[in-house]
Every structure is written in C-alpha cells, then in structure tokens.
Amino acid sequence: MIWWALFSLSVMLNILFVWYVRNMVIRFNFLGENLDNFVTEIQDYQGHLKRIGEMDIYVGDQTIVGLMKHTKDIEEFIVEYQNVFLLEEKEEHEEEKA
C-alpha cells in the first residue's frame, strides 16, 4: 500500500517536472529567436545616433557622444547574451563542418 502511494507521488512529481521543463524550454526558445530582432533594432538605433552625431550642429556634443558610447555598450552586452542563446546553433555548424 505504501509503495503505491510513493509510486503515485513519484509519477505526479515527474509529470509536474516535465511540464515545468517544457514551459521553460518554450520561453527560452522564444527569447533566443527574438534576440536577433532586438540586436538589429539596437544597431539601427546606434546608426541613427551616429548620423545625428555627424550633423554639423551636433559635432562634438558630449550628450550625443555619451549616448553613442552607451548604445555601443548595450549592443555588446546583448551580443554576449545572443552568443549564449545561439550556442546550440554554433555547435551544430561546427559538427556539420567536421
């Protein structure tokens, strides 16, 4: 009798664990797929700031220079995370080359 109770508890916990892992994988996958779009938007924003900074009226403006530096730092930070999320794809490409 006690074995059936433990077995039932184990089955329920395993089902709960599989459900939780599945949800986490779905969220992780969604984040990984949309990270490319986010990086592209940051790069577009950085290009826009660069064009503004090159305008005659803003040349040497420390606020624009600071915004450009901050944007570059954010882009580098996001690219680091992108490399983590795309690790699986890089491994697949390396296996294909071998």
PDB file of N, CA and C in Angstrom:
ATOM      1  N   MET A   1       0.823  -1.200   0.000  1.00  0.00           N
ATOM      2  CA  MET A   1       0.000   0.000   0.000  1.00  0.00           C
ATOM      3  C   MET A   1       0.863   1.258   0.000  1.00  0.00           C
ATOM      4  N   ILE A   2       1.858   1.284   0.851  1.00  0.00           N
ATOM      5  CA  ILE A   2       2.710   2.470   0.916  1.00  0.00           C
ATOM      6  C   ILE A   2       3.524   2.627  -0.374  1.00  0.00           C
ATOM      7  N   TRP A   3       3.837   1.492  -1.024  1.00  0.00           N
ATOM      8  CA  TRP A   3       4.587   1.561  -2.277  1.00  0.00           C
ATOM      9  C   TRP A   3       3.759   2.208  -3.371  1.00  0.00           C
ATOM     10  N   TRP A   4       2.455   1.932  -3.386  1.00  0.00           N
ATOM     11  CA  TRP A   4       1.590   2.552  -4.389  1.00  0.00           C
ATOM     12  C   TRP A   4       1.479   4.056  -4.156  1.00  0.00           C
ATOM     13  N   ALA A   5       1.433   4.454  -2.924  1.00  0.00           N
ATOM     14  CA  ALA A   5       1.366   5.883  -2.617  1.00  0.00           C
ATOM     15  C   ALA A   5       2.650   6.578  -3.059  1.00  0.00           C
ATOM     16  N   LEU A   6       3.789   5.979  -2.773  1.00  0.00           N
ATOM     17  CA  LEU A   6       5.070   6.560  -3.191  1.00  0.00           C
ATOM     18  C   LEU A   6       5.197   6.563  -4.713  1.00  0.00           C
ATOM     19  N   PHE A   7       4.739   5.488  -5.341  1.00  0.00           N
ATOM     20  CA  PHE A   7       4.778   5.416  -6.797  1.00  0.00           C
ATOM     21  C   PHE A   7       3.894   6.503  -7.417  1.00  0.00           C
ATOM     22  N   SER A   8       2.692   6.669  -6.879  1.00  0.00           N
ATOM     23  CA  SER A   8       1.771   7.701  -7.378  1.00  0.00           C
ATOM     24  C   SER A   8       2.360   9.090  -7.188  1.00  0.00           C
ATOM     25  N   LEU A   9       2.942   9.336  -6.024  1.00  0.00           N
ATOM     26  CA  LEU A   9       3.577  10.626  -5.763  1.00  0.00           C
ATOM     27  C   LEU A   9       4.724  10.867  -6.732  1.00  0.00           C
ATOM     28  N   SER A  10       5.522   9.853  -6.990  1.00  0.00           N
ATOM     29  CA  SER A  10       6.637   9.961  -7.918  1.00  0.00           C
ATOM     30  C   SER A  10       6.153  10.278  -9.331  1.00  0.00           C
ATOM     31  N   VAL A  11       5.106   9.617  -9.774  1.00  0.00           N
ATOM     32  CA  VAL A  11       4.554   9.861 -11.106  1.00  0.00           C
ATOM     33  C   VAL A  11       4.050  11.293 -11.216  1.00  0.00           C
ATOM     34  N   MET A  12       3.327  11.754 -10.198  1.00  0.00           N
ATOM     35  CA  MET A  12       2.806  13.124 -10.228  1.00  0.00           C
ATOM     36  C   MET A  12       3.943  14.148 -10.236  1.00  0.00           C
ATOM     37  N   LEU A  13       4.966  13.932  -9.433  1.00  0.00           N
ATOM     38  CA  LEU A  13       6.096  14.848  -9.411  1.00  0.00           C
ATOM     39  C   LEU A  13       6.846  14.846 -10.746  1.00  0.00           C
ATOM     40  N   ASN A  14       6.984  13.695 -11.357  1.00  0.00           N
ATOM     41  CA  ASN A  14       7.635  13.618 -12.667  1.00  0.00           C
ATOM     42  C   ASN A  14       6.828  14.342 -13.737  1.00  0.00           C
ATOM     43  N   ILE A  15       5.520  14.196 -13.700  1.00  0.00           N
ATOM     44  CA  ILE A  15       4.664  14.912 -14.650  1.00  0.00           C
ATOM     45  C   ILE A  15       4.790  16.416 -14.439  1.00  0.00           C
ATOM     46  N   LEU A  16       4.781  16.856 -13.203  1.00  0.00           N
ATOM     47  CA  LEU A  16       4.952  18.271 -12.895  1.00  0.00           C
ATOM     48  C   LEU A  16       6.314  18.774 -13.374  1.00  0.00           C
ATOM     49  N   PHE A  17       7.348  18.003 -13.157  1.00  0.00           N
ATOM     50  CA  PHE A  17       8.689  18.384 -13.588  1.00  0.00           C
ATOM     51  C   PHE A  17       8.773  18.496 -15.109  1.00  0.00           C
ATOM     52  N   VAL A  18       8.207  17.544 -15.824  1.00  0.00           N
ATOM     53  CA  VAL A  18       8.223  17.584 -17.292  1.00  0.00           C
ATOM     54  C   VAL A  18       7.455  18.801 -17.791  1.00  0.00           C
ATOM     55  N   TRP A  19       6.309  19.098 -17.207  1.00  0.00           N
ATOM     56  CA  TRP A  19       5.531  20.268 -17.583  1.00  0.00           C
ATOM     57  C   TRP A  19       6.334  21.547 -17.363  1.00  0.00           C
ATOM     58  N   TYR A  20       7.005  21.658 -16.223  1.00  0.00           N
ATOM     59  CA  TYR A  20       7.795  22.849 -15.898  1.00  0.00           C
ATOM     60  C   TYR A  20       8.966  23.004 -16.875  1.00  0.00           C
ATOM     61  N   VAL A  21       9.685  21.940 -17.138  1.00  0.00           N
ATOM     62  CA  VAL A  21      10.824  21.993 -18.058  1.00  0.00           C
ATOM     63  C   VAL A  21      10.352  22.361 -19.458  1.00  0.00           C
ATOM     64  N   ARG A  22       9.239  21.813 -19.876  1.00  0.00           N
ATOM     65  CA  ARG A  22       8.690  22.142 -21.196  1.00  0.00           C
ATOM     66  C   ARG A  22       8.381  23.626 -21.299  1.00  0.00           C
ATOM     67  N   ASN A  23       7.756  24.200 -20.290  1.00  0.00           N
ATOM     68  CA  ASN A  23       7.448  25.635 -20.298  1.00  0.00           C
ATOM     69  C   ASN A  23       8.724  26.478 -20.318  1.00  0.00           C
ATOM     70  N   MET A  24       9.727  26.076 -19.583  1.00  0.00           N
ATOM     71  CA  MET A  24      10.985  26.827 -19.564  1.00  0.00           C
ATOM     72  C   MET A  24      11.690  26.760 -20.923  1.00  0.00           C
ATOM     73  N   VAL A  25      11.639  25.606 -21.562  1.00  0.00           N
ATOM     74  CA  VAL A  25      12.259  25.467 -22.885  1.00  0.00           C
ATOM     75  C   VAL A  25      11.527  26.331 -23.908  1.00  0.00           C
ATOM     76  N   ILE A  26      10.215  26.378 -23.837  1.00  0.00           N
ATOM     77  CA  ILE A  26       9.436  27.222 -24.751  1.00  0.00           C
ATOM     78  C   ILE A  26       9.808  28.683 -24.559  1.00  0.00           C
ATOM     79  N   ARG A  27       9.906  29.144 -23.325  1.00  0.00           N
ATOM     80  CA  ARG A  27      10.279  30.538 -23.060  1.00  0.00           C
ATOM     81  C   ARG A  27      11.701  30.833 -23.511  1.00  0.00           C
ATOM     82  N   PHE A  28      12.602  29.927 -23.243  1.00  0.00           N
ATOM     83  CA  PHE A  28      13.996  30.091 -23.630  1.00  0.00           C
ATOM     84  C   PHE A  28      14.114  30.155 -25.154  1.00  0.00           C
ATOM     85  N   ASN A  29      13.390  29.298 -25.838  1.00  0.00           N
ATOM     86  CA  ASN A  29      13.400  29.272 -27.297  1.00  0.00           C
ATOM     87  C   ASN A  29      12.843  30.580 -27.864  1.00  0.00           C
ATOM     88  N   PHE A  30      11.749  31.064 -27.304  1.00  0.00           N
ATOM     89  CA  PHE A  30      11.146  32.329 -27.748  1.00  0.00           C
ATOM     90  C   PHE A  30      12.143  33.464 -27.587  1.00  0.00           C
ATOM     91  N   LEU A  31      12.803  33.515 -26.451  1.00  0.00           N
ATOM     92  CA  LEU A  31      13.774  34.567 -26.192  1.00  0.00           C
ATOM     93  C   LEU A  31      14.942  34.484 -27.162  1.00  0.00           C
ATOM     94  N   GLY A  32      15.431  33.289 -27.404  1.00  0.00           N
ATOM     95  CA  GLY A  32      16.545  33.106 -28.326  1.00  0.00           C
ATOM     96  C   GLY A  32      16.203  33.516 -29.746  1.00  0.00           C
ATOM     97  N   GLU A  33      14.993  33.185 -30.193  1.00  0.00           N
ATOM     98  CA  GLU A  33      14.577  33.523 -31.550  1.00  0.00           C
ATOM     99  C   GLU A  33      14.393  35.032 -31.729  1.00  0.00           C
ATOM    100  N   ASN A  34      13.913  35.713 -30.722  1.00  0.00           N
ATOM    101  CA  ASN A  34      13.636  37.140 -30.843  1.00  0.00           C
ATOM    102  C   ASN A  34      14.828  38.018 -30.493  1.00  0.00           C
ATOM    103  N   LEU A  35      15.878  37.429 -29.993  1.00  0.00           N
ATOM    104  CA  LEU A  35      17.058  38.201 -29.636  1.00  0.00           C
ATOM    105  C   LEU A  35      17.705  38.810 -30.870  1.00  0.00           C
ATOM    106  N   ASP A  36      17.671  38.121 -31.999  1.00  0.00           N
ATOM    107  CA  ASP A  36      18.232  38.666 -33.237  1.00  0.00           C
ATOM    108  C   ASP A  36      17.528  39.964 -33.634  1.00  0.00           C
ATOM    109  N   ASN A  37      16.212  39.977 -33.538  1.00  0.00           N
ATOM    110  CA  ASN A  37      15.452  41.190 -33.867  1.00  0.00           C
ATOM    111  C   ASN A  37      15.823  42.328 -32.935  1.00  0.00           C
ATOM    112  N   PHE A  38      16.007  42.012 -31.679  1.00  0.00           N
ATOM    113  CA  PHE A  38      16.358  43.031 -30.693  1.00  0.00           C
ATOM    114  C   PHE A  38      17.730  43.626 -30.996  1.00  0.00           C
ATOM    115  N   VAL A  39      18.695  42.787 -31.341  1.00  0.00           N
ATOM    116  CA  VAL A  39      20.039  43.266 -31.680  1.00  0.00           C
ATOM    117  C   VAL A  39      19.971  44.152 -32.922  1.00  0.00           C
ATOM    118  N   THR A  40      19.180  43.764 -33.902  1.00  0.00           N
ATOM    119  CA  THR A  40      19.030  44.567 -35.118  1.00  0.00           C
ATOM    120  C   THR A  40      18.460  45.944 -34.798  1.00  0.00           C
ATOM    121  N   GLU A  41      17.465  45.987 -33.927  1.00  0.00           N
ATOM    122  CA  GLU A  41      16.879  47.277 -33.536  1.00  0.00           C
ATOM    123  C   GLU A  41      17.901  48.159 -32.823  1.00  0.00           C
ATOM    124  N   ILE A  42      18.702  47.572 -31.959  1.00  0.00           N
ATOM    125  CA  ILE A  42      19.738  48.344 -31.259  1.00  0.00           C
ATOM    126  C   ILE A  42      20.763  48.870 -32.255  1.00  0.00           C
ATOM    127  N   GLN A  43      21.146  48.060 -33.243  1.00  0.00           N
ATOM    128  CA  GLN A  43      22.112  48.504 -34.246  1.00  0.00           C
ATOM    129  C   GLN A  43      21.535  49.625 -35.101  1.00  0.00           C
ATOM    130  N   ASP A  44      20.254  49.532 -35.457  1.00  0.00           N
ATOM    131  CA  ASP A  44      19.602  50.613 -36.199  1.00  0.00           C
ATOM    132  C   ASP A  44      19.591  51.901 -35.378  1.00  0.00           C
ATOM    133  N   TYR A  45      19.269  51.780 -34.105  1.00  0.00           N
ATOM    134  CA  TYR A  45      19.264  52.938 -33.210  1.00  0.00           C
ATOM    135  C   TYR A  45      20.658  53.552 -33.115  1.00  0.00           C
ATOM    136  N   GLN A  46      21.669  52.703 -33.021  1.00  0.00           N
ATOM    137  CA  GLN A  46      23.048  53.180 -32.935  1.00  0.00           C
ATOM    138  C   GLN A  46      23.429  53.920 -34.219  1.00  0.00           C
ATOM    139  N   GLY A  47      23.036  53.388 -35.361  1.00  0.00           N
ATOM    140  CA  GLY A  47      23.312  54.063 -36.637  1.00  0.00           C
ATOM    141  C   GLY A  47      22.623  55.405 -36.717  1.00  0.00           C
ATOM    142  N   HIS A  48      21.393  55.466 -36.230  1.00  0.00           N
ATOM    143  CA  HIS A  48      20.660  56.734 -36.217  1.00  0.00           C
ATOM    144  C   HIS A  48      21.382  57.758 -35.342  1.00  0.00           C
ATOM    145  N   LEU A  49      21.815  57.338 -34.163  1.00  0.00           N
ATOM    146  CA  LEU A  49      22.553  58.252 -33.288  1.00  0.00           C
ATOM    147  C   LEU A  49      23.857  58.708 -33.933  1.00  0.00           C
ATOM    148  N   LYS A  50      24.495  57.807 -34.644  1.00  0.00           N
ATOM    149  CA  LYS A  50      25.756  58.161 -35.306  1.00  0.00           C
ATOM    150  C   LYS A  50      25.523  59.219 -36.374  1.00  0.00           C
ATOM    151  N   ARG A  51      24.448  59.066 -37.151  1.00  0.00           N
ATOM    152  CA  ARG A  51      24.132  60.074 -38.175  1.00  0.00           C
ATOM    153  C   ARG A  51      23.819  61.418 -37.534  1.00  0.00           C
ATOM    154  N   ILE A  52      23.117  61.407 -36.426  1.00  0.00           N
ATOM    155  CA  ILE A  52      22.822  62.660 -35.727  1.00  0.00           C
ATOM    156  C   ILE A  52      24.105  63.285 -35.202  1.00  0.00           C
ATOM    157  N   GLY A  53      24.986  62.442 -34.645  1.00  0.00           N
ATOM    158  CA  GLY A  53      26.249  62.948 -34.115  1.00  0.00           C
ATOM    159  C   GLY A  53      27.151  63.535 -35.175  1.00  0.00           C
ATOM    160  N   GLU A  54      26.995  63.121 -36.419  1.00  0.00           N
ATOM    161  CA  GLU A  54      27.815  63.633 -37.508  1.00  0.00           C
ATOM    162  C   GLU A  54      27.254  64.906 -38.118  1.00  0.00           C
ATOM    163  N   MET A  55      26.069  65.312 -37.703  1.00  0.00           N
ATOM    164  CA  MET A  55      25.488  66.553 -38.217  1.00  0.00           C
ATOM    165  C   MET A  55      26.290  67.734 -37.680  1.00  0.00           C
ATOM    166  N   ASP A  56      26.396  68.784 -38.496  1.00  0.00           N
ATOM    167  CA  ASP A  56      27.202  69.954 -38.129  1.00  0.00           C
ATOM    168  C   ASP A  56      26.797  70.566 -36.796  1.00  0.00           C
ATOM    169  N   ILE A  57      25.523  70.579 -36.528  1.00  0.00           N
ATOM    170  CA  ILE A  57      25.049  71.231 -35.312  1.00  0.00           C
ATOM    171  C   ILE A  57      25.421  70.441 -34.052  1.00  0.00           C
ATOM    172  N   TYR A  58      25.619  69.119 -34.188  1.00  0.00           N
ATOM    173  CA  TYR A  58      25.887  68.274 -33.019  1.00  0.00           C
ATOM    174  C   TYR A  58      27.325  67.785 -32.908  1.00  0.00           C
ATOM    175  N   VAL A  59      28.192  68.162 -33.832  1.00  0.00           N
ATOM    176  CA  VAL A  59      29.570  67.668 -33.814  1.00  0.00           C
ATOM    177  C   VAL A  59      30.226  68.034 -32.477  1.00  0.00           C
ATOM    178  N   GLY A  60      30.718  67.026 -31.787  1.00  0.00           N
ATOM    179  CA  GLY A  60      31.401  67.238 -30.518  1.00  0.00           C
ATOM    180  C   GLY A  60      30.480  67.382 -29.320  1.00  0.00           C
ATOM    181  N   ASP A  61      29.175  67.285 -29.516  1.00  0.00           N
ATOM    182  CA  ASP A  61      28.238  67.402 -28.394  1.00  0.00           C
ATOM    183  C   ASP A  61      28.432  66.192 -27.477  1.00  0.00           C
ATOM    184  N   GLN A  62      28.767  66.446 -26.229  1.00  0.00           N
ATOM    185  CA  GLN A  62      29.086  65.378 -25.290  1.00  0.00           C
ATOM    186  C   GLN A  62      27.877  64.493 -24.978  1.00  0.00           C
ATOM    187  N   THR A  63      26.683  65.049 -25.054  1.00  0.00           N
ATOM    188  CA  THR A  63      25.483  64.253 -24.809  1.00  0.00           C
ATOM    189  C   THR A  63      25.320  63.198 -25.898  1.00  0.00           C
ATOM    190  N   ILE A  64      25.497  63.597 -27.144  1.00  0.00           N
ATOM    191  CA  ILE A  64      25.377  62.662 -28.258  1.00  0.00           C
ATOM    192  C   ILE A  64      26.498  61.626 -28.196  1.00  0.00           C
ATOM    193  N   VAL A  65      27.716  62.075 -27.899  1.00  0.00           N
ATOM    194  CA  VAL A  65      28.850  61.156 -27.787  1.00  0.00           C
ATOM    195  C   VAL A  65      28.585  60.142 -26.673  1.00  0.00           C
ATOM    196  N   GLY A  66      28.049  60.597 -25.557  1.00  0.00           N
ATOM    197  CA  GLY A  66      27.717  59.707 -24.443  1.00  0.00           C
ATOM    198  C   GLY A  66      26.637  58.703 -24.817  1.00  0.00           C
ATOM    199  N   LEU A  67      25.612  59.165 -25.541  1.00  0.00           N
ATOM    200  CA  LEU A  67      24.553  58.264 -25.993  1.00  0.00           C
ATOM    201  C   LEU A  67      25.103  57.206 -26.943  1.00  0.00           C
ATOM    202  N   MET A  68      25.997  57.610 -27.829  1.00  0.00           N
ATOM    203  CA  MET A  68      26.589  56.658 -28.769  1.00  0.00           C
ATOM    204  C   MET A  68      27.416  55.612 -28.029  1.00  0.00           C
ATOM    205  N   LYS A  69      28.185  56.031 -27.033  1.00  0.00           N
ATOM    206  CA  LYS A  69      29.005  55.100 -26.247  1.00  0.00           C
ATOM    207  C   LYS A  69      28.105  54.143 -25.465  1.00  0.00           C
ATOM    208  N   HIS A  70      27.068  54.694 -24.846  1.00  0.00           N
ATOM    209  CA  HIS A  70      26.146  53.874 -24.066  1.00  0.00           C
ATOM    210  C   HIS A  70      25.447  52.849 -24.961  1.00  0.00           C
ATOM    211  N   THR A  71      25.028  53.272 -26.145  1.00  0.00           N
ATOM    212  CA  THR A  71      24.372  52.364 -27.080  1.00  0.00           C
ATOM    213  C   THR A  71      25.318  51.251 -27.510  1.00  0.00           C
ATOM    214  N   LYS A  72      26.575  51.581 -27.757  1.00  0.00           N
ATOM    215  CA  LYS A  72      27.563  50.568 -28.144  1.00  0.00           C
ATOM    216  C   LYS A  72      27.765  49.568 -27.004  1.00  0.00           C
ATOM    217  N   ASP A  73      27.826  50.051 -25.770  1.00  0.00           N
ATOM    218  CA  ASP A  73      27.975  49.161 -24.620  1.00  0.00           C
ATOM    219  C   ASP A  73      26.779  48.217 -24.485  1.00  0.00           C
ATOM    220  N   ILE A  74      25.580  48.747 -24.683  1.00  0.00           N
ATOM    221  CA  ILE A  74      24.373  47.917 -24.602  1.00  0.00           C
ATOM    222  C   ILE A  74      24.378  46.874 -25.709  1.00  0.00           C
ATOM    223  N   GLU A  75      24.786  47.271 -26.904  1.00  0.00           N
ATOM    224  CA  GLU A  75      24.843  46.318 -28.011  1.00  0.00           C
ATOM    225  C   GLU A  75      25.812  45.177 -27.698  1.00  0.00           C
ATOM    226  N   GLU A  76      26.980  45.496 -27.165  1.00  0.00           N
ATOM    227  CA  GLU A  76      27.955  44.465 -26.815  1.00  0.00           C
ATOM    228  C   GLU A  76      27.408  43.528 -25.741  1.00  0.00           C
ATOM    229  N   PHE A  77      26.709  44.092 -24.771  1.00  0.00           N
ATOM    230  CA  PHE A  77      26.106  43.298 -23.703  1.00  0.00           C
ATOM    231  C   PHE A  77      25.075  42.329 -24.269  1.00  0.00           C
ATOM    232  N   ILE A  78      24.244  42.808 -25.181  1.00  0.00           N
ATOM    233  CA  ILE A  78      23.202  41.975 -25.772  1.00  0.00           C
ATOM    234  C   ILE A  78      23.817  40.901 -26.659  1.00  0.00           C
ATOM    235  N   VAL A  79      24.871  41.244 -27.386  1.00  0.00           N
ATOM    236  CA  VAL A  79      25.531  40.263 -28.249  1.00  0.00           C
ATOM    237  C   VAL A  79      26.121  39.128 -27.411  1.00  0.00           C
ATOM    238  N   GLU A  80      26.622  39.442 -26.220  1.00  0.00           N
ATOM    239  CA  GLU A  80      27.119  38.387 -25.332  1.00  0.00           C
ATOM    240  C   GLU A  80      26.000  37.403 -24.991  1.00  0.00           C
ATOM    241  N   TYR A  81      24.816  37.932 -24.662  1.00  0.00           N
ATOM    242  CA  TYR A  81      23.683  37.057 -24.375  1.00  0.00           C
ATOM    243  C   TYR A  81      23.245  36.304 -25.619  1.00  0.00           C
ATOM    244  N   GLN A  82      23.314  36.959 -26.760  1.00  0.00           N
ATOM    245  CA  GLN A  82      22.948  36.302 -28.003  1.00  0.00           C
ATOM    246  C   GLN A  82      23.859  35.107 -28.254  1.00  0.00           C
ATOM    247  N   ASN A  83      25.129  35.256 -27.965  1.00  0.00           N
ATOM    248  CA  ASN A  83      26.058  34.146 -28.155  1.00  0.00           C
ATOM    249  C   ASN A  83      25.710  32.971 -27.251  1.00  0.00           C
ATOM    250  N   VAL A  84      25.207  33.237 -26.058  1.00  0.00           N
ATOM    251  CA  VAL A  84      24.798  32.163 -25.152  1.00  0.00           C
ATOM    252  C   VAL A  84      23.574  31.448 -25.707  1.00  0.00           C
ATOM    253  N   PHE A  85      22.593  32.217 -26.181  1.00  0.00           N
ATOM    254  CA  PHE A  85      21.368  31.608 -26.685  1.00  0.00           C
ATOM    255  C   PHE A  85      21.603  30.874 -27.996  1.00  0.00           C
ATOM    256  N   LEU A  86      22.557  31.308 -28.786  1.00  0.00           N
ATOM    257  CA  LEU A  86      22.814  30.695 -30.076  1.00  0.00           C
ATOM    258  C   LEU A  86      23.923  29.659 -30.005  1.00  0.00           C
ATOM    259  N   LEU A  87      24.317  29.276 -28.804  1.00  0.00           N
ATOM    260  CA  LEU A  87      25.381  28.307 -28.614  1.00  0.00           C
ATOM    261  C   LEU A  87      25.051  26.995 -29.312  1.00  0.00           C
ATOM    262  N   GLU A  88      23.812  26.568 -29.218  1.00  0.00           N
ATOM    263  CA  GLU A  88      23.392  25.312 -29.838  1.00  0.00           C
ATOM    264  C   GLU A  88      23.576  25.369 -31.350  1.00  0.00           C
ATOM    265  N   GLU A  89      23.206  26.488 -31.976  1.00  0.00           N
ATOM    266  CA  GLU A  89      23.338  26.619 -33.415  1.00  0.00           C
ATOM    267  C   GLU A  89      24.808  26.607 -33.832  1.00  0.00           C
ATOM    268  N   LYS A  90      25.677  27.241 -33.050  1.00  0.00           N
ATOM    269  CA  LYS A  90      27.094  27.245 -33.367  1.00  0.00           C
ATOM    270  C   LYS A  90      27.657  25.834 -33.293  1.00  0.00           C
ATOM    271  N   GLU A  91      27.248  25.066 -32.298  1.00  0.00           N
ATOM    272  CA  GLU A  91      27.711  23.692 -32.163  1.00  0.00           C
ATOM    273  C   GLU A  91      27.251  22.855 -33.345  1.00  0.00           C
ATOM    274  N   GLU A  92      26.026  23.083 -33.835  1.00  0.00           N
ATOM    275  CA  GLU A  92      25.525  22.343 -34.985  1.00  0.00           C
ATOM    276  C   GLU A  92      26.349  22.652 -36.227  1.00  0.00           C
ATOM    277  N   HIS A  93      26.703  23.954 -36.418  1.00  0.00           N
ATOM    278  CA  HIS A  93      27.504  24.339 -37.572  1.00  0.00           C
ATOM    279  C   HIS A  93      28.893  23.723 -37.492  1.00  0.00           C
ATOM    280  N   GLU A  94      29.469  23.656 -36.300  1.00  0.00           N
ATOM    281  CA  GLU A  94      30.786  23.065 -36.134  1.00  0.00           C
ATOM    282  C   GLU A  94      30.759  21.568 -36.444  1.00  0.00           C
ATOM    283  N   GLU A  95      29.674  20.897 -36.054  1.00  0.00           N
ATOM    284  CA  GLU A  95      29.542  19.475 -36.342  1.00  0.00           C
ATOM    285  C   GLU A  95      29.385  19.230 -37.836  1.00  0.00           C
ATOM    286  N   GLU A  96      28.672  20.136 -38.550  1.00  0.00           N
ATOM    287  CA  GLU A  96      28.477  19.985 -39.980  1.00  0.00           C
ATOM    288  C   GLU A  96      29.794  20.137 -40.739  1.00  0.00           C
ATOM    289  N   LYS A  97      30.669  21.025 -40.244  1.00  0.00           N
ATOM    290  CA  LYS A  97      31.940  21.266 -40.893  1.00  0.00           C
ATOM    291  C   LYS A  97      32.886  20.064 -40.737  1.00  0.00           C
ATOM    292  N   ALA A  98      32.743  19.339 -39.635  1.00  0.00           N
ATOM    293  CA  ALA A  98      33.654  18.215 -39.363  1.00  0.00           C
ATOM    294  C   ALA A  98      33.357  17.005 -40.194  1.00  0.00           C
TER     295      ALA A  98
END
